[in-house]
Amino acid sequence: MKLLLILALVILSCDNSQQEVKPSVDRQVRQVSYNGVSVTVIIDQPVAKELDVLVVFHGTVQFDSNLLQAATTALDNFKAILDRKDMMIVSVAYPQENLLFGDGIQQAEVALLWVKHQASQELGIRVGKIFLAGHSQGGYMVTRLNTMHQTNGVISNAPGPLNLIYRCQLEESGQIPSGAVCNKLRNEYGSTVANPAAYHQRSLLNFVGNFKSDILFVQGLNDSPIQMYSWPTFREDVTACTNCRGRQFLEIPGGEHGALFTSPVARSDFNAFINSR
């Protein structure tokens, strides 16, 4: 009888433990809003009551129909190099197709403000530290956001375009194929010769001051010639900033555009930056 009772208790204990098992991560696509502006995000949420958050931004896409795929890829790429498994990742599908370059900053800002002010209530958690990370045009976005709002830290990989005057001049002269970014700017402002100020205003070289949080820039030194043409100037201007929080530069010899995701050194510095704040 005692043996049967013990077996029954063991079986009951096993049944209860199976019923209490929960998925370690919940991923959802969600439309979030702040001050009447909306943006689509993908949320990768571990099961916990209190979570630090990494808000990530993808690179350039030609059509907005590809935004969700780009945001998913960005989420997966950043998650793959993030050592911590207890951080929520929010990947932002900010629009591009029907906007002048840079205007997607409004939706990018909405995602950050939603995480700061509304995510806790809507997701039933307590948001702890908030970090931003972006690749390529996503790096452009997080660098600009760092001039607007304070977070716990920002990581920007191969941010750009750094210099739209230079890039669009190459297109105007036929040295490189025409692209949607410069075509839209030219239709709006005329050529880079006629209106260089308008192109500079949207270049990342125009956003090199007033960083509100520490920022880590990662740049592969074997990136495209267009990127590398302006990188030394960008680095010099950011280094000279007198009203910025801490700035770190990690240059990867032989690294290409996605150096943050392929270099063990970059991965190590990425995690060290987050873990030290």
C-alpha atoms as a PDB file:
ATOM      1  CA  MET A   1       0.000   0.000   0.000  1.00  0.00           C
ATOM      2  CA  LYS A   2       2.796   2.404   0.916  1.00  0.00           C
ATOM      3  CA  LEU A   3       4.554   1.621  -2.373  1.00  0.00           C
ATOM      4  CA  LEU A   4       1.391   2.336  -4.346  1.00  0.00           C
ATOM      5  CA  LEU A   5       0.912   5.642  -2.501  1.00  0.00           C
ATOM      6  CA  ILE A   6       4.475   6.702  -3.238  1.00  0.00           C
ATOM      7  CA  LEU A   7       4.058   5.847  -6.918  1.00  0.00           C
ATOM      8  CA  ALA A   8       0.835   7.825  -7.059  1.00  0.00           C
ATOM      9  CA  LEU A   9       2.516  10.862  -5.513  1.00  0.00           C
ATOM     10  CA  VAL A  10       5.409  10.634  -7.983  1.00  0.00           C
ATOM     11  CA  ILE A  11       3.025  10.433 -10.944  1.00  0.00           C
ATOM     12  CA  LEU A  12       0.982  13.368  -9.610  1.00  0.00           C
ATOM     13  CA  SER A  13       4.166  15.386  -9.088  1.00  0.00           C
ATOM     14  CA  CYS A  14       5.273  14.671 -12.674  1.00  0.00           C
ATOM     15  CA  ASP A  15       1.852  15.666 -14.028  1.00  0.00           C
ATOM     16  CA  ASN A  16       1.897  18.958 -12.108  1.00  0.00           C
ATOM     17  CA  SER A  17       5.427  19.786 -13.233  1.00  0.00           C
ATOM     18  CA  GLN A  18       4.439  19.227 -16.860  1.00  0.00           C
ATOM     19  CA  GLN A  19       1.412  21.469 -16.468  1.00  0.00           C
ATOM     20  CA  GLU A  20       3.578  24.277 -15.044  1.00  0.00           C
ATOM     21  CA  VAL A  21       6.124  24.254 -17.878  1.00  0.00           C
ATOM     22  CA  LYS A  22       5.965  27.535 -19.822  1.00  0.00           C
ATOM     23  CA  PRO A  23       7.656  28.547 -23.072  1.00  0.00           C
ATOM     24  CA  SER A  24      10.953  30.292 -22.430  1.00  0.00           C
ATOM     25  CA  VAL A  25      10.271  32.970 -25.047  1.00  0.00           C
ATOM     26  CA  ASP A  26       7.160  34.437 -26.593  1.00  0.00           C
ATOM     27  CA  ARG A  27       7.503  36.155 -30.003  1.00  0.00           C
ATOM     28  CA  GLN A  28       4.769  38.380 -31.367  1.00  0.00           C
ATOM     29  CA  VAL A  29       4.183  40.976 -34.070  1.00  0.00           C
ATOM     30  CA  ARG A  30       2.500  44.033 -32.632  1.00  0.00           C
ATOM     31  CA  GLN A  31       1.370  47.486 -33.768  1.00  0.00           C
ATOM     32  CA  VAL A  32       2.422  50.023 -31.148  1.00  0.00           C
ATOM     33  CA  SER A  33       1.507  53.689 -30.893  1.00  0.00           C
ATOM     34  CA  TYR A  34       2.663  56.808 -29.103  1.00  0.00           C
ATOM     35  CA  ASN A  35       1.181  60.285 -29.455  1.00  0.00           C
ATOM     36  CA  GLY A  36      -0.984  59.144 -32.366  1.00  0.00           C
ATOM     37  CA  VAL A  37       1.841  57.662 -34.478  1.00  0.00           C
ATOM     38  CA  SER A  38       2.108  53.887 -35.003  1.00  0.00           C
ATOM     39  CA  VAL A  39       4.795  51.436 -36.055  1.00  0.00           C
ATOM     40  CA  THR A  40       5.017  47.661 -36.322  1.00  0.00           C
ATOM     41  CA  VAL A  41       7.430  45.845 -34.020  1.00  0.00           C
ATOM     42  CA  ILE A  42       8.414  42.230 -33.424  1.00  0.00           C
ATOM     43  CA  ILE A  43       8.804  41.399 -29.744  1.00  0.00           C
ATOM     44  CA  ASP A  44      10.944  38.517 -28.502  1.00  0.00           C
ATOM     45  CA  GLN A  45       9.958  38.290 -24.829  1.00  0.00           C
ATOM     46  CA  PRO A  46      11.426  35.880 -22.280  1.00  0.00           C
ATOM     47  CA  VAL A  47       9.120  34.770 -19.489  1.00  0.00           C
ATOM     48  CA  ALA A  48       9.961  37.071 -16.576  1.00  0.00           C
ATOM     49  CA  LYS A  49       8.348  39.883 -14.645  1.00  0.00           C
ATOM     50  CA  GLU A  50      11.260  42.316 -15.055  1.00  0.00           C
ATOM     51  CA  LEU A  51      13.209  42.612 -18.304  1.00  0.00           C
ATOM     52  CA  ASP A  52      15.945  44.771 -19.734  1.00  0.00           C
ATOM     53  CA  VAL A  53      15.197  45.617 -23.359  1.00  0.00           C
ATOM     54  CA  LEU A  54      17.278  45.766 -26.531  1.00  0.00           C
ATOM     55  CA  VAL A  55      15.503  47.780 -29.257  1.00  0.00           C
ATOM     56  CA  VAL A  56      16.977  46.944 -32.672  1.00  0.00           C
ATOM     57  CA  PHE A  57      16.715  48.528 -36.125  1.00  0.00           C
ATOM     58  CA  HIS A  58      17.240  46.880 -39.510  1.00  0.00           C
ATOM     59  CA  GLY A  59      19.020  48.277 -42.566  1.00  0.00           C
ATOM     60  CA  THR A  60      17.655  49.612 -45.845  1.00  0.00           C
ATOM     61  CA  VAL A  61      14.863  47.867 -47.726  1.00  0.00           C
ATOM     62  CA  GLN A  62      13.553  48.848 -51.140  1.00  0.00           C
ATOM     63  CA  PHE A  63       9.888  48.020 -50.498  1.00  0.00           C
ATOM     64  CA  ASP A  64       7.889  48.252 -47.289  1.00  0.00           C
ATOM     65  CA  SER A  65       6.450  44.821 -48.071  1.00  0.00           C
ATOM     66  CA  ASN A  66       9.855  43.517 -46.959  1.00  0.00           C
ATOM     67  CA  LEU A  67       9.892  45.334 -43.620  1.00  0.00           C
ATOM     68  CA  LEU A  68       8.743  42.420 -41.480  1.00  0.00           C
ATOM     69  CA  GLN A  69      11.350  40.132 -43.004  1.00  0.00           C
ATOM     70  CA  ALA A  70      14.052  42.755 -42.443  1.00  0.00           C
ATOM     71  CA  ALA A  71      12.931  43.270 -38.852  1.00  0.00           C
ATOM     72  CA  THR A  72      12.909  39.509 -38.245  1.00  0.00           C
ATOM     73  CA  THR A  73      16.421  39.165 -39.679  1.00  0.00           C
ATOM     74  CA  ALA A  74      17.659  42.025 -37.505  1.00  0.00           C
ATOM     75  CA  LEU A  75      16.105  40.444 -34.424  1.00  0.00           C
ATOM     76  CA  ASP A  76      17.649  37.054 -35.178  1.00  0.00           C
ATOM     77  CA  ASN A  77      21.072  38.545 -35.951  1.00  0.00           C
ATOM     78  CA  PHE A  78      21.235  40.580 -32.749  1.00  0.00           C
ATOM     79  CA  LYS A  79      19.850  37.727 -30.662  1.00  0.00           C
ATOM     80  CA  ALA A  80      22.555  35.427 -32.060  1.00  0.00           C
ATOM     81  CA  ILE A  81      25.363  37.653 -30.751  1.00  0.00           C
ATOM     82  CA  LEU A  82      23.695  38.628 -27.471  1.00  0.00           C
ATOM     83  CA  ASP A  83      25.075  36.511 -24.633  1.00  0.00           C
ATOM     84  CA  ARG A  84      22.225  37.332 -22.282  1.00  0.00           C
ATOM     85  CA  LYS A  85      19.098  35.199 -22.632  1.00  0.00           C
ATOM     86  CA  ASP A  86      17.061  37.287 -20.187  1.00  0.00           C
ATOM     87  CA  MET A  87      16.650  40.414 -22.348  1.00  0.00           C
ATOM     88  CA  MET A  88      13.567  41.288 -24.335  1.00  0.00           C
ATOM     89  CA  ILE A  89      14.345  42.250 -27.929  1.00  0.00           C
ATOM     90  CA  VAL A  90      12.054  44.638 -29.805  1.00  0.00           C
ATOM     91  CA  SER A  91      12.772  44.840 -33.532  1.00  0.00           C
ATOM     92  CA  VAL A  92      11.316  47.892 -35.262  1.00  0.00           C
ATOM     93  CA  ALA A  93       9.892  47.698 -38.801  1.00  0.00           C
ATOM     94  CA  TYR A  94      10.205  51.421 -39.512  1.00  0.00           C
ATOM     95  CA  PRO A  95       8.917  52.478 -42.975  1.00  0.00           C
ATOM     96  CA  GLN A  96      11.081  53.633 -45.897  1.00  0.00           C
ATOM     97  CA  GLU A  97       9.470  53.156 -49.301  1.00  0.00           C
ATOM     98  CA  ASN A  98       7.263  56.251 -49.458  1.00  0.00           C
ATOM     99  CA  LEU A  99       9.406  58.556 -47.335  1.00  0.00           C
ATOM    100  CA  LEU A 100      12.379  60.800 -47.947  1.00  0.00           C
ATOM    101  CA  PHE A 101      15.483  59.315 -46.400  1.00  0.00           C
ATOM    102  CA  GLY A 102      15.569  60.018 -42.661  1.00  0.00           C
ATOM    103  CA  ASP A 103      11.863  60.668 -42.213  1.00  0.00           C
ATOM    104  CA  GLY A 104      11.393  57.192 -40.743  1.00  0.00           C
ATOM    105  CA  ILE A 105      12.976  58.604 -37.571  1.00  0.00           C
ATOM    106  CA  GLN A 106       9.449  59.495 -36.451  1.00  0.00           C
ATOM    107  CA  GLN A 107       8.370  55.852 -36.335  1.00  0.00           C
ATOM    108  CA  ALA A 108      11.725  54.827 -34.868  1.00  0.00           C
ATOM    109  CA  GLU A 109      11.184  57.318 -32.051  1.00  0.00           C
ATOM    110  CA  VAL A 110       7.664  55.993 -31.457  1.00  0.00           C
ATOM    111  CA  ALA A 111       9.033  52.502 -30.827  1.00  0.00           C
ATOM    112  CA  LEU A 112      11.533  53.804 -28.270  1.00  0.00           C
ATOM    113  CA  LEU A 113       8.947  55.957 -26.489  1.00  0.00           C
ATOM    114  CA  TRP A 114       6.510  53.043 -26.411  1.00  0.00           C
ATOM    115  CA  VAL A 115       9.135  50.846 -24.755  1.00  0.00           C
ATOM    116  CA  LYS A 116       9.931  53.617 -22.279  1.00  0.00           C
ATOM    117  CA  HIS A 117       6.417  54.614 -21.323  1.00  0.00           C
ATOM    118  CA  GLN A 118       3.862  51.983 -22.326  1.00  0.00           C
ATOM    119  CA  ALA A 119       5.438  48.554 -22.758  1.00  0.00           C
ATOM    120  CA  SER A 120       5.338  47.730 -19.053  1.00  0.00           C
ATOM    121  CA  GLN A 121       1.594  48.185 -18.827  1.00  0.00           C
ATOM    122  CA  GLU A 122       0.731  46.617 -22.182  1.00  0.00           C
ATOM    123  CA  LEU A 123       2.969  43.559 -21.745  1.00  0.00           C
ATOM    124  CA  GLY A 124       2.459  43.063 -18.013  1.00  0.00           C
ATOM    125  CA  ILE A 125       6.144  43.403 -17.142  1.00  0.00           C
ATOM    126  CA  ARG A 126       8.504  45.881 -15.565  1.00  0.00           C
ATOM    127  CA  VAL A 127      10.942  47.369 -18.088  1.00  0.00           C
ATOM    128  CA  GLY A 128      14.421  47.783 -16.652  1.00  0.00           C
ATOM    129  CA  LYS A 129      17.353  49.089 -18.694  1.00  0.00           C
ATOM    130  CA  ILE A 130      16.857  50.054 -22.341  1.00  0.00           C
ATOM    131  CA  PHE A 131      19.534  49.731 -25.031  1.00  0.00           C
ATOM    132  CA  LEU A 132      19.391  50.636 -28.729  1.00  0.00           C
ATOM    133  CA  ALA A 133      21.225  48.781 -31.508  1.00  0.00           C
ATOM    134  CA  GLY A 134      21.137  49.209 -35.257  1.00  0.00           C
ATOM    135  CA  HIS A 135      22.834  48.027 -38.425  1.00  0.00           C
ATOM    136  CA  SER A 136      23.486  50.188 -41.518  1.00  0.00           C
ATOM    137  CA  GLN A 137      20.481  52.535 -41.867  1.00  0.00           C
ATOM    138  CA  GLY A 138      19.429  51.101 -38.515  1.00  0.00           C
ATOM    139  CA  GLY A 139      22.739  52.411 -37.168  1.00  0.00           C
ATOM    140  CA  TYR A 140      21.826  55.795 -38.605  1.00  0.00           C
ATOM    141  CA  MET A 141      18.503  55.620 -36.750  1.00  0.00           C
ATOM    142  CA  VAL A 142      19.941  54.736 -33.343  1.00  0.00           C
ATOM    143  CA  THR A 143      22.650  57.386 -33.676  1.00  0.00           C
ATOM    144  CA  ARG A 144      19.996  60.008 -34.374  1.00  0.00           C
ATOM    145  CA  LEU A 145      17.807  58.734 -31.559  1.00  0.00           C
ATOM    146  CA  ASN A 146      20.786  59.189 -29.252  1.00  0.00           C
ATOM    147  CA  THR A 147      20.625  62.930 -29.959  1.00  0.00           C
ATOM    148  CA  MET A 148      16.953  62.930 -28.916  1.00  0.00           C
ATOM    149  CA  HIS A 149      16.465  60.609 -25.932  1.00  0.00           C
ATOM    150  CA  GLN A 150      18.547  59.107 -23.143  1.00  0.00           C
ATOM    151  CA  THR A 151      18.841  55.335 -22.795  1.00  0.00           C
ATOM    152  CA  ASN A 152      21.285  53.035 -21.043  1.00  0.00           C
ATOM    153  CA  GLY A 153      23.466  52.735 -24.128  1.00  0.00           C
ATOM    154  CA  VAL A 154      23.561  52.565 -27.930  1.00  0.00           C
ATOM    155  CA  ILE A 155      25.389  50.277 -30.377  1.00  0.00           C
ATOM    156  CA  SER A 156      25.669  51.407 -33.994  1.00  0.00           C
ATOM    157  CA  ASN A 157      27.140  49.076 -36.641  1.00  0.00           C
ATOM    158  CA  ALA A 158      28.283  50.572 -39.972  1.00  0.00           C
ATOM    159  CA  PRO A 159      25.874  53.514 -39.640  1.00  0.00           C
ATOM    160  CA  GLY A 160      24.912  55.366 -42.772  1.00  0.00           C
ATOM    161  CA  PRO A 161      24.576  56.931 -45.184  1.00  0.00           C
ATOM    162  CA  LEU A 162      27.188  59.162 -43.616  1.00  0.00           C
ATOM    163  CA  ASN A 163      27.400  61.644 -46.484  1.00  0.00           C
ATOM    164  CA  LEU A 164      24.450  61.927 -48.847  1.00  0.00           C
ATOM    165  CA  ILE A 165      26.103  64.716 -50.833  1.00  0.00           C
ATOM    166  CA  TYR A 166      28.988  62.444 -51.809  1.00  0.00           C
ATOM    167  CA  ARG A 167      26.790  59.406 -52.413  1.00  0.00           C
ATOM    168  CA  CYS A 168      24.207  61.207 -54.522  1.00  0.00           C
ATOM    169  CA  GLN A 169      26.876  63.094 -56.501  1.00  0.00           C
ATOM    170  CA  LEU A 170      28.283  59.728 -57.579  1.00  0.00           C
ATOM    171  CA  GLU A 171      24.840  58.787 -58.860  1.00  0.00           C
ATOM    172  CA  GLU A 172      24.339  62.107 -60.605  1.00  0.00           C
ATOM    173  CA  SER A 173      27.662  61.724 -62.414  1.00  0.00           C
ATOM    174  CA  GLY A 174      26.868  58.143 -63.461  1.00  0.00           C
ATOM    175  CA  GLN A 175      29.740  56.641 -61.458  1.00  0.00           C
ATOM    176  CA  ILE A 176      27.355  54.339 -59.599  1.00  0.00           C
ATOM    177  CA  PRO A 177      23.792  53.217 -60.460  1.00  0.00           C
ATOM    178  CA  SER A 178      20.897  55.410 -59.387  1.00  0.00           C
ATOM    179  CA  GLY A 179      18.982  54.359 -56.286  1.00  0.00           C
ATOM    180  CA  ALA A 180      15.681  55.198 -54.655  1.00  0.00           C
ATOM    181  CA  VAL A 181      17.186  57.239 -51.808  1.00  0.00           C
ATOM    182  CA  CYS A 182      18.937  59.791 -54.016  1.00  0.00           C
ATOM    183  CA  ASN A 183      16.180  59.811 -56.651  1.00  0.00           C
ATOM    184  CA  LYS A 184      13.605  60.859 -54.056  1.00  0.00           C
ATOM    185  CA  LEU A 185      15.892  63.542 -52.648  1.00  0.00           C
ATOM    186  CA  ARG A 186      16.623  64.868 -56.129  1.00  0.00           C
ATOM    187  CA  ASN A 187      12.921  65.033 -56.976  1.00  0.00           C
ATOM    188  CA  GLU A 188      12.321  66.971 -53.754  1.00  0.00           C
ATOM    189  CA  TYR A 189      15.362  69.248 -53.572  1.00  0.00           C
ATOM    190  CA  GLY A 190      17.061  69.252 -56.940  1.00  0.00           C
ATOM    191  CA  SER A 191      20.660  68.162 -57.446  1.00  0.00           C
ATOM    192  CA  THR A 192      23.422  68.090 -54.846  1.00  0.00           C
ATOM    193  CA  VAL A 193      25.042  71.003 -56.683  1.00  0.00           C
ATOM    194  CA  ALA A 194      21.882  73.090 -56.599  1.00  0.00           C
ATOM    195  CA  ASN A 195      20.975  72.352 -52.980  1.00  0.00           C
ATOM    196  CA  PRO A 196      23.790  70.660 -51.025  1.00  0.00           C
ATOM    197  CA  ALA A 197      22.458  71.868 -47.657  1.00  0.00           C
ATOM    198  CA  ALA A 198      19.319  69.757 -47.987  1.00  0.00           C
ATOM    199  CA  TYR A 199      21.401  66.626 -48.539  1.00  0.00           C
ATOM    200  CA  HIS A 200      23.760  67.423 -45.680  1.00  0.00           C
ATOM    201  CA  GLN A 201      20.822  68.021 -43.343  1.00  0.00           C
ATOM    202  CA  ARG A 202      19.776  64.364 -43.735  1.00  0.00           C
ATOM    203  CA  SER A 203      23.303  62.895 -43.670  1.00  0.00           C
ATOM    204  CA  LEU A 204      24.590  61.278 -40.484  1.00  0.00           C
ATOM    205  CA  LEU A 205      27.487  63.746 -40.598  1.00  0.00           C
ATOM    206  CA  ASN A 206      24.891  66.299 -39.505  1.00  0.00           C
ATOM    207  CA  PHE A 207      24.164  64.343 -36.306  1.00  0.00           C
ATOM    208  CA  VAL A 208      27.520  64.138 -34.546  1.00  0.00           C
ATOM    209  CA  GLY A 209      26.769  66.048 -31.338  1.00  0.00           C
ATOM    210  CA  ASN A 210      24.602  66.100 -28.227  1.00  0.00           C
ATOM    211  CA  PHE A 211      24.702  62.328 -27.700  1.00  0.00           C
ATOM    212  CA  LYS A 212      22.640  61.713 -24.577  1.00  0.00           C
ATOM    213  CA  SER A 213      23.947  58.198 -23.825  1.00  0.00           C
ATOM    214  CA  ASP A 214      27.171  56.262 -24.223  1.00  0.00           C
ATOM    215  CA  ILE A 215      27.516  54.858 -27.740  1.00  0.00           C
ATOM    216  CA  LEU A 216      29.644  52.148 -29.329  1.00  0.00           C
ATOM    217  CA  PHE A 217      30.349  52.419 -33.056  1.00  0.00           C
ATOM    218  CA  VAL A 218      31.473  49.266 -34.877  1.00  0.00           C
ATOM    219  CA  GLN A 219      32.912  49.616 -38.368  1.00  0.00           C
ATOM    220  CA  GLY A 220      34.457  47.014 -40.636  1.00  0.00           C
ATOM    221  CA  LEU A 221      37.402  48.561 -42.450  1.00  0.00           C
ATOM    222  CA  ASN A 222      36.658  46.583 -45.610  1.00  0.00           C
ATOM    223  CA  ASP A 223      33.195  48.116 -45.969  1.00  0.00           C
ATOM    224  CA  SER A 224      32.068  49.746 -49.238  1.00  0.00           C
ATOM    225  CA  PRO A 225      34.178  52.604 -50.671  1.00  0.00           C
ATOM    226  CA  ILE A 226      31.235  54.993 -50.199  1.00  0.00           C
ATOM    227  CA  GLN A 227      31.109  54.222 -46.474  1.00  0.00           C
ATOM    228  CA  MET A 228      34.857  54.337 -45.977  1.00  0.00           C
ATOM    229  CA  TYR A 229      35.243  57.641 -47.873  1.00  0.00           C
ATOM    230  CA  SER A 230      33.418  59.525 -45.090  1.00  0.00           C
ATOM    231  CA  TRP A 231      34.146  57.285 -42.098  1.00  0.00           C
ATOM    232  CA  PRO A 232      37.373  59.093 -41.005  1.00  0.00           C
ATOM    233  CA  THR A 233      35.560  62.450 -41.076  1.00  0.00           C
ATOM    234  CA  PHE A 234      32.623  61.042 -39.139  1.00  0.00           C
ATOM    235  CA  ARG A 235      34.879  59.514 -36.515  1.00  0.00           C
ATOM    236  CA  GLU A 236      36.858  62.746 -36.179  1.00  0.00           C
ATOM    237  CA  ASP A 237      33.705  64.858 -35.789  1.00  0.00           C
ATOM    238  CA  VAL A 238      32.174  62.503 -33.203  1.00  0.00           C
ATOM    239  CA  THR A 239      35.449  62.359 -31.267  1.00  0.00           C
ATOM    240  CA  ALA A 240      35.601  66.163 -31.186  1.00  0.00           C
ATOM    241  CA  CYS A 241      32.103  66.480 -29.729  1.00  0.00           C
ATOM    242  CA  THR A 242      32.101  68.562 -26.539  1.00  0.00           C
ATOM    243  CA  ASN A 243      28.510  67.908 -25.447  1.00  0.00           C
ATOM    244  CA  CYS A 244      28.362  64.128 -25.893  1.00  0.00           C
ATOM    245  CA  ARG A 245      28.326  61.227 -23.480  1.00  0.00           C
ATOM    246  CA  GLY A 246      30.953  58.525 -23.884  1.00  0.00           C
ATOM    247  CA  ARG A 247      31.894  57.410 -27.392  1.00  0.00           C
ATOM    248  CA  GLN A 248      33.734  54.219 -28.286  1.00  0.00           C
ATOM    249  CA  PHE A 249      34.962  53.127 -31.708  1.00  0.00           C
ATOM    250  CA  LEU A 250      35.730  49.546 -32.661  1.00  0.00           C
ATOM    251  CA  GLU A 251      37.267  49.206 -36.119  1.00  0.00           C
ATOM    252  CA  ILE A 252      37.568  45.665 -37.479  1.00  0.00           C
ATOM    253  CA  PRO A 253      40.470  45.131 -39.937  1.00  0.00           C
ATOM    254  CA  GLY A 254      39.162  43.129 -42.885  1.00  0.00           C
ATOM    255  CA  GLY A 255      35.612  43.410 -41.547  1.00  0.00           C
ATOM    256  CA  GLU A 256      32.854  44.141 -44.028  1.00  0.00           C
ATOM    257  CA  HIS A 257      29.474  45.837 -43.676  1.00  0.00           C
ATOM    258  CA  GLY A 258      28.139  43.326 -41.129  1.00  0.00           C
ATOM    259  CA  ALA A 259      31.294  43.184 -39.010  1.00  0.00           C
ATOM    260  CA  LEU A 260      29.350  43.283 -35.734  1.00  0.00           C
ATOM    261  CA  PHE A 261      27.749  39.945 -36.594  1.00  0.00           C
ATOM    262  CA  THR A 262      30.803  38.166 -37.985  1.00  0.00           C
ATOM    263  CA  SER A 263      33.704  39.303 -35.790  1.00  0.00           C
ATOM    264  CA  PRO A 264      34.316  37.544 -32.434  1.00  0.00           C
ATOM    265  CA  VAL A 265      36.003  40.733 -31.212  1.00  0.00           C
ATOM    266  CA  ALA A 266      32.954  42.813 -32.110  1.00  0.00           C
ATOM    267  CA  ARG A 267      30.639  40.334 -30.423  1.00  0.00           C
ATOM    268  CA  SER A 268      32.733  40.430 -27.265  1.00  0.00           C
ATOM    269  CA  ASP A 269      32.794  44.235 -27.173  1.00  0.00           C
ATOM    270  CA  PHE A 270      29.049  44.393 -27.909  1.00  0.00           C
ATOM    271  CA  ASN A 271      28.269  42.239 -24.875  1.00  0.00           C
ATOM    272  CA  ALA A 272      30.841  43.952 -22.676  1.00  0.00           C
ATOM    273  CA  PHE A 273      29.280  47.325 -23.524  1.00  0.00           C
ATOM    274  CA  ILE A 274      25.799  46.137 -22.493  1.00  0.00           C
ATOM    275  CA  ASN A 275      26.941  44.246 -19.406  1.00  0.00           C
ATOM    276  CA  SER A 276      28.941  47.194 -18.050  1.00  0.00           C
ATOM    277  CA  ARG A 277      25.923  49.507 -17.888  1.00  0.00           C
END
